[in-house]
Amino acid sequence: MHIEDQTRTNKSQTASINVPTFVCDGTKILHVHDSLFVSSILASPSGSAWNKLVWCRVEQCPKLECVFSAQLAGAEPEGRSSSDVDVFEKLRTIWASHLPNVRYILERSPPRPGGPRHTAFADLTSLHLYCCPRLLYAVPLPPSGLTSMQHLETLKIMWCGSVRAVFHFNQDWVVRTLIGVWTFPELKHIHLHELPMLQGLDRSVYAPKLETIKVRGCWSLRSLPIVAAPRALKCDCEKEWWDRLEWDGLVGKHDPCLYKPIHPRYYKKKLLRGSVLI
């Protein structure tokens, strides 16, 4: 499915893309780009789970506020149990870039009492977010939602200045007794760049297969995931940020010995031996 602008005489207009259910149910690739008018992407009123969608890329849409709307999240596809609804179950790659007004990738409403339980992004492997300055978080999750991220391998978020959390739990959904470590068994690559408000990756995240991590300009981030590498994992980051990290002191579980910091070259410049005054 390829969505782009049609010619319009009134450039102040906006548009919502209403896609028929049978089209959503059969789409494998979705590319929305260079639209000055599209403000949201909606499923048909009867709802669609988009469960054949494998690859999604949305870029250069200045009026888009959320990639997928709440109308989609509340839909119950025909033939599904009212107690268990999966959406985007085959989606592997999400690529969103240069979306100045986007606040959510998937906007979802709190579940209704006795309504269906939704699971999203069960097969997601790559999440790439670039230049979305108003984005609040990457994807929303219900209390059991982290089971949906068992296949995530690559996480790249760059130049999204308002992002506070990568995975967001709606306050109405949170179970207060939810404690313990959040495990991402396949996560291998993390790249976080210029996210000054980010606080979302903390010591409760466990990534046993993590291979590379690069952090730049994430001054509110205070801790790193727990890793299980046989040797110290290289962490490419600023020296000032590394020195401000917090550790829980549990030797062998979450301590600086699990990482080897690699700092940019400008930290290694030699000082002048003589006076700069003539």
C-alpha atoms as a PDB file:
ATOM      1  CA  MET A   1       0.000   0.000   0.000  1.00  0.00           C
ATOM      2  CA  HIS A   2       1.441   3.346  -1.131  1.00  0.00           C
ATOM      3  CA  ILE A   3      -0.106   6.590   0.132  1.00  0.00           C
ATOM      4  CA  GLU A   4       0.890  10.066  -1.069  1.00  0.00           C
ATOM      5  CA  ASP A   5      -0.740  13.448  -1.782  1.00  0.00           C
ATOM      6  CA  GLN A   6      -3.307  14.288  -4.386  1.00  0.00           C
ATOM      7  CA  THR A   7      -3.396  17.818  -5.807  1.00  0.00           C
ATOM      8  CA  ARG A   8      -5.355  20.208  -3.582  1.00  0.00           C
ATOM      9  CA  THR A   9      -6.227  23.857  -4.035  1.00  0.00           C
ATOM     10  CA  ASN A  10      -6.705  24.557  -0.323  1.00  0.00           C
ATOM     11  CA  LYS A  11      -3.411  23.797   1.394  1.00  0.00           C
ATOM     12  CA  SER A  12      -4.913  24.332   4.866  1.00  0.00           C
ATOM     13  CA  GLN A  13      -7.019  21.181   4.528  1.00  0.00           C
ATOM     14  CA  THR A  14      -6.255  17.949   6.331  1.00  0.00           C
ATOM     15  CA  ALA A  15      -7.241  14.398   5.484  1.00  0.00           C
ATOM     16  CA  SER A  16      -7.801  11.098   7.232  1.00  0.00           C
ATOM     17  CA  ILE A  17      -7.036   7.987   5.222  1.00  0.00           C
ATOM     18  CA  ASN A  18      -9.928   5.553   5.623  1.00  0.00           C
ATOM     19  CA  VAL A  19      -8.783   2.241   4.245  1.00  0.00           C
ATOM     20  CA  PRO A  20     -11.281  -0.599   3.591  1.00  0.00           C
ATOM     21  CA  THR A  21     -10.941  -3.565   5.931  1.00  0.00           C
ATOM     22  CA  PHE A  22     -10.176  -6.095   3.209  1.00  0.00           C
ATOM     23  CA  VAL A  23      -7.274  -3.923   1.999  1.00  0.00           C
ATOM     24  CA  CYS A  24      -5.815  -3.579   5.516  1.00  0.00           C
ATOM     25  CA  ASP A  25      -6.134  -7.303   6.095  1.00  0.00           C
ATOM     26  CA  GLY A  26      -4.138  -8.099   2.951  1.00  0.00           C
ATOM     27  CA  THR A  27      -1.447  -5.403   3.058  1.00  0.00           C
ATOM     28  CA  LYS A  28       2.144  -6.555   3.647  1.00  0.00           C
ATOM     29  CA  ILE A  29       4.033  -3.308   2.970  1.00  0.00           C
ATOM     30  CA  LEU A  30       2.825   0.173   3.956  1.00  0.00           C
ATOM     31  CA  HIS A  31       4.654   3.318   2.786  1.00  0.00           C
ATOM     32  CA  VAL A  32       3.235   6.768   3.569  1.00  0.00           C
ATOM     33  CA  HIS A  33       5.431   9.707   2.582  1.00  0.00           C
ATOM     34  CA  ASP A  34       5.640  13.365   1.514  1.00  0.00           C
ATOM     35  CA  SER A  35       2.066  14.284   2.362  1.00  0.00           C
ATOM     36  CA  LEU A  36       1.171  17.815   3.446  1.00  0.00           C
ATOM     37  CA  PHE A  37      -2.436  16.885   4.261  1.00  0.00           C
ATOM     38  CA  VAL A  38      -2.670  13.445   5.907  1.00  0.00           C
ATOM     39  CA  SER A  39      -3.331  13.842   9.634  1.00  0.00           C
ATOM     40  CA  SER A  40      -4.144  10.226  10.567  1.00  0.00           C
ATOM     41  CA  ILE A  41      -4.341   6.712   9.163  1.00  0.00           C
ATOM     42  CA  LEU A  42      -7.556   4.935  10.098  1.00  0.00           C
ATOM     43  CA  ALA A  43      -8.896   1.468   9.569  1.00  0.00           C
ATOM     44  CA  SER A  44     -12.465   1.025   8.363  1.00  0.00           C
ATOM     45  CA  PRO A  45     -15.251   1.415  10.980  1.00  0.00           C
ATOM     46  CA  SER A  46     -15.472  -2.371  11.330  1.00  0.00           C
ATOM     47  CA  GLY A  47     -11.821  -2.504  12.316  1.00  0.00           C
ATOM     48  CA  SER A  48      -8.734  -4.335  11.107  1.00  0.00           C
ATOM     49  CA  ALA A  49      -5.822  -6.026  12.857  1.00  0.00           C
ATOM     50  CA  TRP A  50      -3.330  -5.445   9.972  1.00  0.00           C
ATOM     51  CA  ASN A  51      -2.015  -8.918  10.754  1.00  0.00           C
ATOM     52  CA  LYS A  52      -0.314  -9.449   7.372  1.00  0.00           C
ATOM     53  CA  LEU A  53       1.627  -6.194   7.531  1.00  0.00           C
ATOM     54  CA  VAL A  54       5.383  -6.930   7.650  1.00  0.00           C
ATOM     55  CA  TRP A  55       7.066  -3.591   6.875  1.00  0.00           C
ATOM     56  CA  CYS A  56       5.880  -0.044   7.644  1.00  0.00           C
ATOM     57  CA  ARG A  57       7.589   3.228   6.740  1.00  0.00           C
ATOM     58  CA  VAL A  58       6.106   6.676   7.331  1.00  0.00           C
ATOM     59  CA  GLU A  59       8.056   9.865   6.589  1.00  0.00           C
ATOM     60  CA  GLN A  60       7.788  13.531   5.647  1.00  0.00           C
ATOM     61  CA  CYS A  61       4.162  14.021   6.764  1.00  0.00           C
ATOM     62  CA  PRO A  62       4.115  17.294   8.734  1.00  0.00           C
ATOM     63  CA  LYS A  63       0.443  17.124   9.837  1.00  0.00           C
ATOM     64  CA  LEU A  64       0.419  13.502  10.940  1.00  0.00           C
ATOM     65  CA  GLU A  65      -0.291  13.284  14.697  1.00  0.00           C
ATOM     66  CA  CYS A  66      -0.204   9.514  15.186  1.00  0.00           C
ATOM     67  CA  VAL A  67       0.743   6.791  12.731  1.00  0.00           C
ATOM     68  CA  PHE A  68      -2.154   4.539  13.746  1.00  0.00           C
ATOM     69  CA  SER A  69      -5.171   5.914  15.553  1.00  0.00           C
ATOM     70  CA  ALA A  70      -7.147   4.824  18.605  1.00  0.00           C
ATOM     71  CA  GLN A  71      -9.976   3.725  16.329  1.00  0.00           C
ATOM     72  CA  LEU A  72      -7.756   0.917  15.082  1.00  0.00           C
ATOM     73  CA  ALA A  73      -6.655  -0.054  18.586  1.00  0.00           C
ATOM     74  CA  GLY A  74     -10.211  -0.486  19.795  1.00  0.00           C
ATOM     75  CA  ALA A  75     -11.324  -2.597  16.857  1.00  0.00           C
ATOM     76  CA  GLU A  76     -12.190  -6.238  17.231  1.00  0.00           C
ATOM     77  CA  PRO A  77     -11.503  -8.087  13.974  1.00  0.00           C
ATOM     78  CA  GLU A  78     -14.214 -10.453  12.855  1.00  0.00           C
ATOM     79  CA  GLY A  79     -13.705 -14.072  13.806  1.00  0.00           C
ATOM     80  CA  ARG A  80     -11.526 -13.241  16.817  1.00  0.00           C
ATOM     81  CA  SER A  81     -12.235 -14.132  20.424  1.00  0.00           C
ATOM     82  CA  SER A  82     -13.648 -11.231  22.424  1.00  0.00           C
ATOM     83  CA  SER A  83     -11.098 -11.957  25.144  1.00  0.00           C
ATOM     84  CA  ASP A  84      -7.919 -12.033  23.036  1.00  0.00           C
ATOM     85  CA  VAL A  85      -7.140  -9.756  20.068  1.00  0.00           C
ATOM     86  CA  ASP A  86      -3.740  -9.522  18.357  1.00  0.00           C
ATOM     87  CA  VAL A  87      -2.827  -6.549  16.172  1.00  0.00           C
ATOM     88  CA  PHE A  88       0.231  -6.134  13.937  1.00  0.00           C
ATOM     89  CA  GLU A  89       1.262  -9.668  14.850  1.00  0.00           C
ATOM     90  CA  LYS A  90       3.550 -10.097  11.776  1.00  0.00           C
ATOM     91  CA  LEU A  91       4.977  -6.580  11.648  1.00  0.00           C
ATOM     92  CA  ARG A  92       8.781  -6.800  11.739  1.00  0.00           C
ATOM     93  CA  THR A  93      10.012  -3.296  10.869  1.00  0.00           C
ATOM     94  CA  ILE A  94       8.733   0.157  11.836  1.00  0.00           C
ATOM     95  CA  TRP A  95      10.505   3.133  10.282  1.00  0.00           C
ATOM     96  CA  ALA A  96       9.219   6.630  11.115  1.00  0.00           C
ATOM     97  CA  SER A  97      11.168   9.763  10.216  1.00  0.00           C
ATOM     98  CA  HIS A  98      10.735  13.532   9.832  1.00  0.00           C
ATOM     99  CA  LEU A  99       7.283  13.697  11.400  1.00  0.00           C
ATOM    100  CA  PRO A 100       7.293  17.029  13.274  1.00  0.00           C
ATOM    101  CA  ASN A 101       3.809  16.666  14.855  1.00  0.00           C
ATOM    102  CA  VAL A 102       3.646  12.947  15.590  1.00  0.00           C
ATOM    103  CA  ARG A 103       3.098  12.218  19.290  1.00  0.00           C
ATOM    104  CA  TYR A 104       2.403   8.464  19.108  1.00  0.00           C
ATOM    105  CA  ILE A 105       3.273   5.600  16.811  1.00  0.00           C
ATOM    106  CA  LEU A 106       0.231   3.679  17.990  1.00  0.00           C
ATOM    107  CA  GLU A 107      -2.363   5.539  20.045  1.00  0.00           C
ATOM    108  CA  ARG A 108      -4.438   3.100  22.085  1.00  0.00           C
ATOM    109  CA  SER A 109      -7.324   3.635  24.461  1.00  0.00           C
ATOM    110  CA  PRO A 110      -7.506   1.933  27.897  1.00  0.00           C
ATOM    111  CA  PRO A 111      -9.342  -1.398  27.695  1.00  0.00           C
ATOM    112  CA  ARG A 112     -13.045  -1.481  28.496  1.00  0.00           C
ATOM    113  CA  PRO A 113     -14.185  -3.548  31.526  1.00  0.00           C
ATOM    114  CA  GLY A 114     -14.789  -7.051  30.252  1.00  0.00           C
ATOM    115  CA  GLY A 115     -13.441  -6.063  26.829  1.00  0.00           C
ATOM    116  CA  PRO A 116     -10.767  -7.843  24.787  1.00  0.00           C
ATOM    117  CA  ARG A 117      -7.099  -8.012  25.755  1.00  0.00           C
ATOM    118  CA  HIS A 118      -4.904  -6.593  23.005  1.00  0.00           C
ATOM    119  CA  THR A 119      -1.400  -7.758  22.142  1.00  0.00           C
ATOM    120  CA  ALA A 120       0.602  -5.703  19.645  1.00  0.00           C
ATOM    121  CA  PHE A 121       3.876  -6.087  17.757  1.00  0.00           C
ATOM    122  CA  ALA A 122       4.376  -9.750  18.638  1.00  0.00           C
ATOM    123  CA  ASP A 123       7.013 -10.205  15.877  1.00  0.00           C
ATOM    124  CA  LEU A 124       8.630  -6.741  15.825  1.00  0.00           C
ATOM    125  CA  THR A 125      12.403  -6.969  15.214  1.00  0.00           C
ATOM    126  CA  SER A 126      13.452  -3.421  14.199  1.00  0.00           C
ATOM    127  CA  LEU A 127      12.259  -0.056  15.494  1.00  0.00           C
ATOM    128  CA  HIS A 128      13.760   3.050  13.835  1.00  0.00           C
ATOM    129  CA  LEU A 129      12.586   6.540  14.842  1.00  0.00           C
ATOM    130  CA  TYR A 130      14.261   9.670  13.432  1.00  0.00           C
ATOM    131  CA  CYS A 131      13.508  13.390  13.765  1.00  0.00           C
ATOM    132  CA  CYS A 132      10.140  13.233  15.503  1.00  0.00           C
ATOM    133  CA  PRO A 133      10.553  16.167  17.928  1.00  0.00           C
ATOM    134  CA  ARG A 134       7.087  15.886  19.590  1.00  0.00           C
ATOM    135  CA  LEU A 135       7.060  12.105  20.010  1.00  0.00           C
ATOM    136  CA  LEU A 136       6.329  11.202  23.652  1.00  0.00           C
ATOM    137  CA  TYR A 137       7.185   7.502  23.571  1.00  0.00           C
ATOM    138  CA  ALA A 138       7.844   4.788  21.021  1.00  0.00           C
ATOM    139  CA  VAL A 139       5.015   2.311  21.634  1.00  0.00           C
ATOM    140  CA  PRO A 140       2.359   1.967  24.353  1.00  0.00           C
ATOM    141  CA  LEU A 141       2.056  -1.339  26.168  1.00  0.00           C
ATOM    142  CA  PRO A 142      -0.531  -2.918  28.478  1.00  0.00           C
ATOM    143  CA  PRO A 143       0.752  -4.375  31.799  1.00  0.00           C
ATOM    144  CA  SER A 144       1.632  -7.678  30.114  1.00  0.00           C
ATOM    145  CA  GLY A 145       2.755  -5.939  26.931  1.00  0.00           C
ATOM    146  CA  LEU A 146       6.465  -6.640  27.221  1.00  0.00           C
ATOM    147  CA  THR A 147       5.710 -10.197  26.158  1.00  0.00           C
ATOM    148  CA  SER A 148       5.039  -8.575  22.772  1.00  0.00           C
ATOM    149  CA  MET A 149       8.695  -7.546  22.423  1.00  0.00           C
ATOM    150  CA  GLN A 150      10.315 -10.969  22.588  1.00  0.00           C
ATOM    151  CA  HIS A 151      11.754 -10.667  19.045  1.00  0.00           C
ATOM    152  CA  LEU A 152      13.031  -7.066  19.110  1.00  0.00           C
ATOM    153  CA  GLU A 153      16.649  -6.986  17.846  1.00  0.00           C
ATOM    154  CA  THR A 154      17.373  -3.374  16.861  1.00  0.00           C
ATOM    155  CA  LEU A 155      16.311  -0.185  18.618  1.00  0.00           C
ATOM    156  CA  LYS A 156      17.354   3.148  17.065  1.00  0.00           C
ATOM    157  CA  ILE A 157      15.897   6.464  18.198  1.00  0.00           C
ATOM    158  CA  MET A 158      17.544   9.696  17.048  1.00  0.00           C
ATOM    159  CA  TRP A 159      16.678  13.407  17.312  1.00  0.00           C
ATOM    160  CA  CYS A 160      13.374  12.926  19.157  1.00  0.00           C
ATOM    161  CA  GLY A 161      13.730  15.576  21.834  1.00  0.00           C
ATOM    162  CA  SER A 162      10.452  14.958  23.710  1.00  0.00           C
ATOM    163  CA  VAL A 163      10.758  11.188  24.150  1.00  0.00           C
ATOM    164  CA  ARG A 164      10.666  10.288  27.838  1.00  0.00           C
ATOM    165  CA  ALA A 165      10.216   6.523  27.574  1.00  0.00           C
ATOM    166  CA  VAL A 166      10.769   3.944  24.871  1.00  0.00           C
ATOM    167  CA  PHE A 167       7.991   1.649  26.105  1.00  0.00           C
ATOM    168  CA  HIS A 168       5.127   3.410  27.828  1.00  0.00           C
ATOM    169  CA  PHE A 169       2.630   1.964  30.289  1.00  0.00           C
ATOM    170  CA  ASN A 170      -0.638   3.886  30.432  1.00  0.00           C
ATOM    171  CA  GLN A 171      -1.291   4.837  34.060  1.00  0.00           C
ATOM    172  CA  ASP A 172      -4.792   3.370  33.870  1.00  0.00           C
ATOM    173  CA  TRP A 173      -3.341   0.003  32.881  1.00  0.00           C
ATOM    174  CA  VAL A 174      -0.461  -0.300  35.299  1.00  0.00           C
ATOM    175  CA  VAL A 175      -0.697  -3.043  37.885  1.00  0.00           C
ATOM    176  CA  ARG A 176       0.863  -1.652  41.024  1.00  0.00           C
ATOM    177  CA  THR A 177       2.278  -5.025  41.981  1.00  0.00           C
ATOM    178  CA  LEU A 178       4.131  -5.286  38.649  1.00  0.00           C
ATOM    179  CA  ILE A 179       7.756  -5.691  39.666  1.00  0.00           C
ATOM    180  CA  GLY A 180      10.823  -7.550  38.479  1.00  0.00           C
ATOM    181  CA  VAL A 181      13.118  -7.445  35.457  1.00  0.00           C
ATOM    182  CA  TRP A 182      11.831  -6.776  31.947  1.00  0.00           C
ATOM    183  CA  THR A 183      13.558  -9.191  29.570  1.00  0.00           C
ATOM    184  CA  PHE A 184      14.311  -8.559  25.889  1.00  0.00           C
ATOM    185  CA  PRO A 185      15.812 -11.931  24.910  1.00  0.00           C
ATOM    186  CA  GLU A 186      16.795 -11.017  21.316  1.00  0.00           C
ATOM    187  CA  LEU A 187      17.798  -7.356  21.675  1.00  0.00           C
ATOM    188  CA  LYS A 188      21.248  -6.907  20.064  1.00  0.00           C
ATOM    189  CA  HIS A 189      21.661  -3.267  19.050  1.00  0.00           C
ATOM    190  CA  ILE A 190      20.745  -0.016  20.812  1.00  0.00           C
ATOM    191  CA  HIS A 191      21.461   3.434  19.386  1.00  0.00           C
ATOM    192  CA  LEU A 192      20.094   6.464  21.243  1.00  0.00           C
ATOM    193  CA  HIS A 193      21.024   9.909  19.915  1.00  0.00           C
ATOM    194  CA  GLU A 194      20.045  13.390  21.161  1.00  0.00           C
ATOM    195  CA  LEU A 195      17.183  12.366  23.452  1.00  0.00           C
ATOM    196  CA  PRO A 196      17.623  14.836  26.341  1.00  0.00           C
ATOM    197  CA  MET A 197      14.353  13.855  28.093  1.00  0.00           C
ATOM    198  CA  LEU A 198      14.707  10.079  27.827  1.00  0.00           C
ATOM    199  CA  GLN A 199      14.357   8.201  31.123  1.00  0.00           C
ATOM    200  CA  GLY A 200      12.897   4.953  29.837  1.00  0.00           C
ATOM    201  CA  LEU A 201      15.765   2.432  29.842  1.00  0.00           C
ATOM    202  CA  ASP A 202      16.681   1.611  33.399  1.00  0.00           C
ATOM    203  CA  ARG A 203      18.298  -1.108  35.493  1.00  0.00           C
ATOM    204  CA  SER A 204      15.191  -3.289  35.322  1.00  0.00           C
ATOM    205  CA  VAL A 205      15.808  -4.074  31.629  1.00  0.00           C
ATOM    206  CA  TYR A 206      17.643  -7.335  30.925  1.00  0.00           C
ATOM    207  CA  ALA A 207      19.166  -7.850  27.447  1.00  0.00           C
ATOM    208  CA  PRO A 208      21.295 -11.031  27.521  1.00  0.00           C
ATOM    209  CA  LYS A 209      22.260 -10.874  23.804  1.00  0.00           C
ATOM    210  CA  LEU A 210      23.137  -7.180  23.618  1.00  0.00           C
ATOM    211  CA  GLU A 211      26.114  -6.663  21.262  1.00  0.00           C
ATOM    212  CA  THR A 212      26.367  -2.914  20.620  1.00  0.00           C
ATOM    213  CA  ILE A 213      25.178   0.188  22.453  1.00  0.00           C
ATOM    214  CA  LYS A 214      25.760   3.801  21.447  1.00  0.00           C
ATOM    215  CA  VAL A 215      24.468   6.751  23.449  1.00  0.00           C
ATOM    216  CA  ARG A 216      24.803  10.455  22.615  1.00  0.00           C
ATOM    217  CA  GLY A 217      23.050  13.433  24.177  1.00  0.00           C
ATOM    218  CA  CYS A 218      20.793  11.434  26.543  1.00  0.00           C
ATOM    219  CA  TRP A 219      21.566  13.395  29.691  1.00  0.00           C
ATOM    220  CA  SER A 220      18.476  12.293  31.657  1.00  0.00           C
ATOM    221  CA  LEU A 221      19.266   8.602  31.183  1.00  0.00           C
ATOM    222  CA  ARG A 222      20.919   7.340  34.357  1.00  0.00           C
ATOM    223  CA  SER A 223      21.416   3.605  33.855  1.00  0.00           C
ATOM    224  CA  LEU A 224      22.048   0.856  31.321  1.00  0.00           C
ATOM    225  CA  PRO A 225      20.419  -2.532  30.714  1.00  0.00           C
ATOM    226  CA  ILE A 226      21.632  -5.610  32.555  1.00  0.00           C
ATOM    227  CA  VAL A 227      23.701  -7.731  30.188  1.00  0.00           C
ATOM    228  CA  ALA A 228      25.113 -11.238  30.313  1.00  0.00           C
ATOM    229  CA  ALA A 229      28.153 -10.978  28.060  1.00  0.00           C
ATOM    230  CA  PRO A 230      31.200 -13.216  28.712  1.00  0.00           C
ATOM    231  CA  ARG A 231      33.346 -10.088  28.478  1.00  0.00           C
ATOM    232  CA  ALA A 232      32.704  -6.395  29.100  1.00  0.00           C
ATOM    233  CA  LEU A 233      30.386  -4.913  26.486  1.00  0.00           C
ATOM    234  CA  LYS A 234      31.667  -1.796  24.711  1.00  0.00           C
ATOM    235  CA  CYS A 235      29.519   1.276  25.349  1.00  0.00           C
ATOM    236  CA  ASP A 236      30.144   4.182  22.954  1.00  0.00           C
ATOM    237  CA  CYS A 237      29.188   7.305  24.913  1.00  0.00           C
ATOM    238  CA  GLU A 238      30.302  10.690  26.243  1.00  0.00           C
ATOM    239  CA  LYS A 239      32.628  10.596  29.219  1.00  0.00           C
ATOM    240  CA  GLU A 240      30.523  13.097  31.200  1.00  0.00           C
ATOM    241  CA  TRP A 241      27.420  10.963  30.761  1.00  0.00           C
ATOM    242  CA  TRP A 242      29.240   7.777  31.753  1.00  0.00           C
ATOM    243  CA  ASP A 243      30.534   9.396  34.939  1.00  0.00           C
ATOM    244  CA  ARG A 244      26.948  10.316  35.959  1.00  0.00           C
ATOM    245  CA  LEU A 245      25.461   6.823  35.571  1.00  0.00           C
ATOM    246  CA  GLU A 246      23.906   5.143  38.607  1.00  0.00           C
ATOM    247  CA  TRP A 247      24.507   1.501  39.503  1.00  0.00           C
ATOM    248  CA  ASP A 248      22.695  -0.710  41.990  1.00  0.00           C
ATOM    249  CA  GLY A 249      25.908  -2.310  43.264  1.00  0.00           C
ATOM    250  CA  LEU A 250      24.880  -5.912  42.629  1.00  0.00           C
ATOM    251  CA  VAL A 251      28.162  -7.474  41.548  1.00  0.00           C
ATOM    252  CA  GLY A 252      27.761  -9.635  38.449  1.00  0.00           C
ATOM    253  CA  LYS A 253      24.248  -8.330  37.782  1.00  0.00           C
ATOM    254  CA  HIS A 254      24.261  -4.568  37.342  1.00  0.00           C
ATOM    255  CA  ASP A 255      27.630  -2.962  37.825  1.00  0.00           C
ATOM    256  CA  PRO A 256      30.174  -1.015  35.709  1.00  0.00           C
ATOM    257  CA  CYS A 257      32.278  -4.138  35.200  1.00  0.00           C
ATOM    258  CA  LEU A 258      29.734  -5.372  32.669  1.00  0.00           C
ATOM    259  CA  TYR A 259      30.627  -2.494  30.324  1.00  0.00           C
ATOM    260  CA  LYS A 260      33.758  -1.033  28.753  1.00  0.00           C
ATOM    261  CA  PRO A 261      33.195   2.671  27.982  1.00  0.00           C
ATOM    262  CA  ILE A 262      34.471   3.923  24.613  1.00  0.00           C
ATOM    263  CA  HIS A 263      34.582   7.706  24.430  1.00  0.00           C
ATOM    264  CA  PRO A 264      34.800   9.973  21.341  1.00  0.00           C
ATOM    265  CA  ARG A 265      38.245  10.970  20.072  1.00  0.00           C
ATOM    266  CA  TYR A 266      38.002  14.557  21.286  1.00  0.00           C
ATOM    267  CA  TYR A 267      38.440  13.306  24.865  1.00  0.00           C
ATOM    268  CA  LYS A 268      41.890  12.018  23.914  1.00  0.00           C
ATOM    269  CA  LYS A 269      43.344  15.210  22.469  1.00  0.00           C
ATOM    270  CA  LYS A 270      46.694  16.138  23.972  1.00  0.00           C
ATOM    271  CA  LEU A 271      46.989  19.349  25.928  1.00  0.00           C
ATOM    272  CA  LEU A 272      49.313  22.090  24.674  1.00  0.00           C
ATOM    273  CA  ARG A 273      52.736  21.884  26.279  1.00  0.00           C
ATOM    274  CA  GLY A 274      53.556  25.546  25.985  1.00  0.00           C
ATOM    275  CA  SER A 275      51.751  28.818  26.487  1.00  0.00           C
ATOM    276  CA  VAL A 276      49.288  29.980  23.834  1.00  0.00           C
ATOM    277  CA  LEU A 277      50.334  33.564  24.508  1.00  0.00           C
ATOM    278  CA  ILE A 278      52.957  35.136  22.276  1.00  0.00           C
END
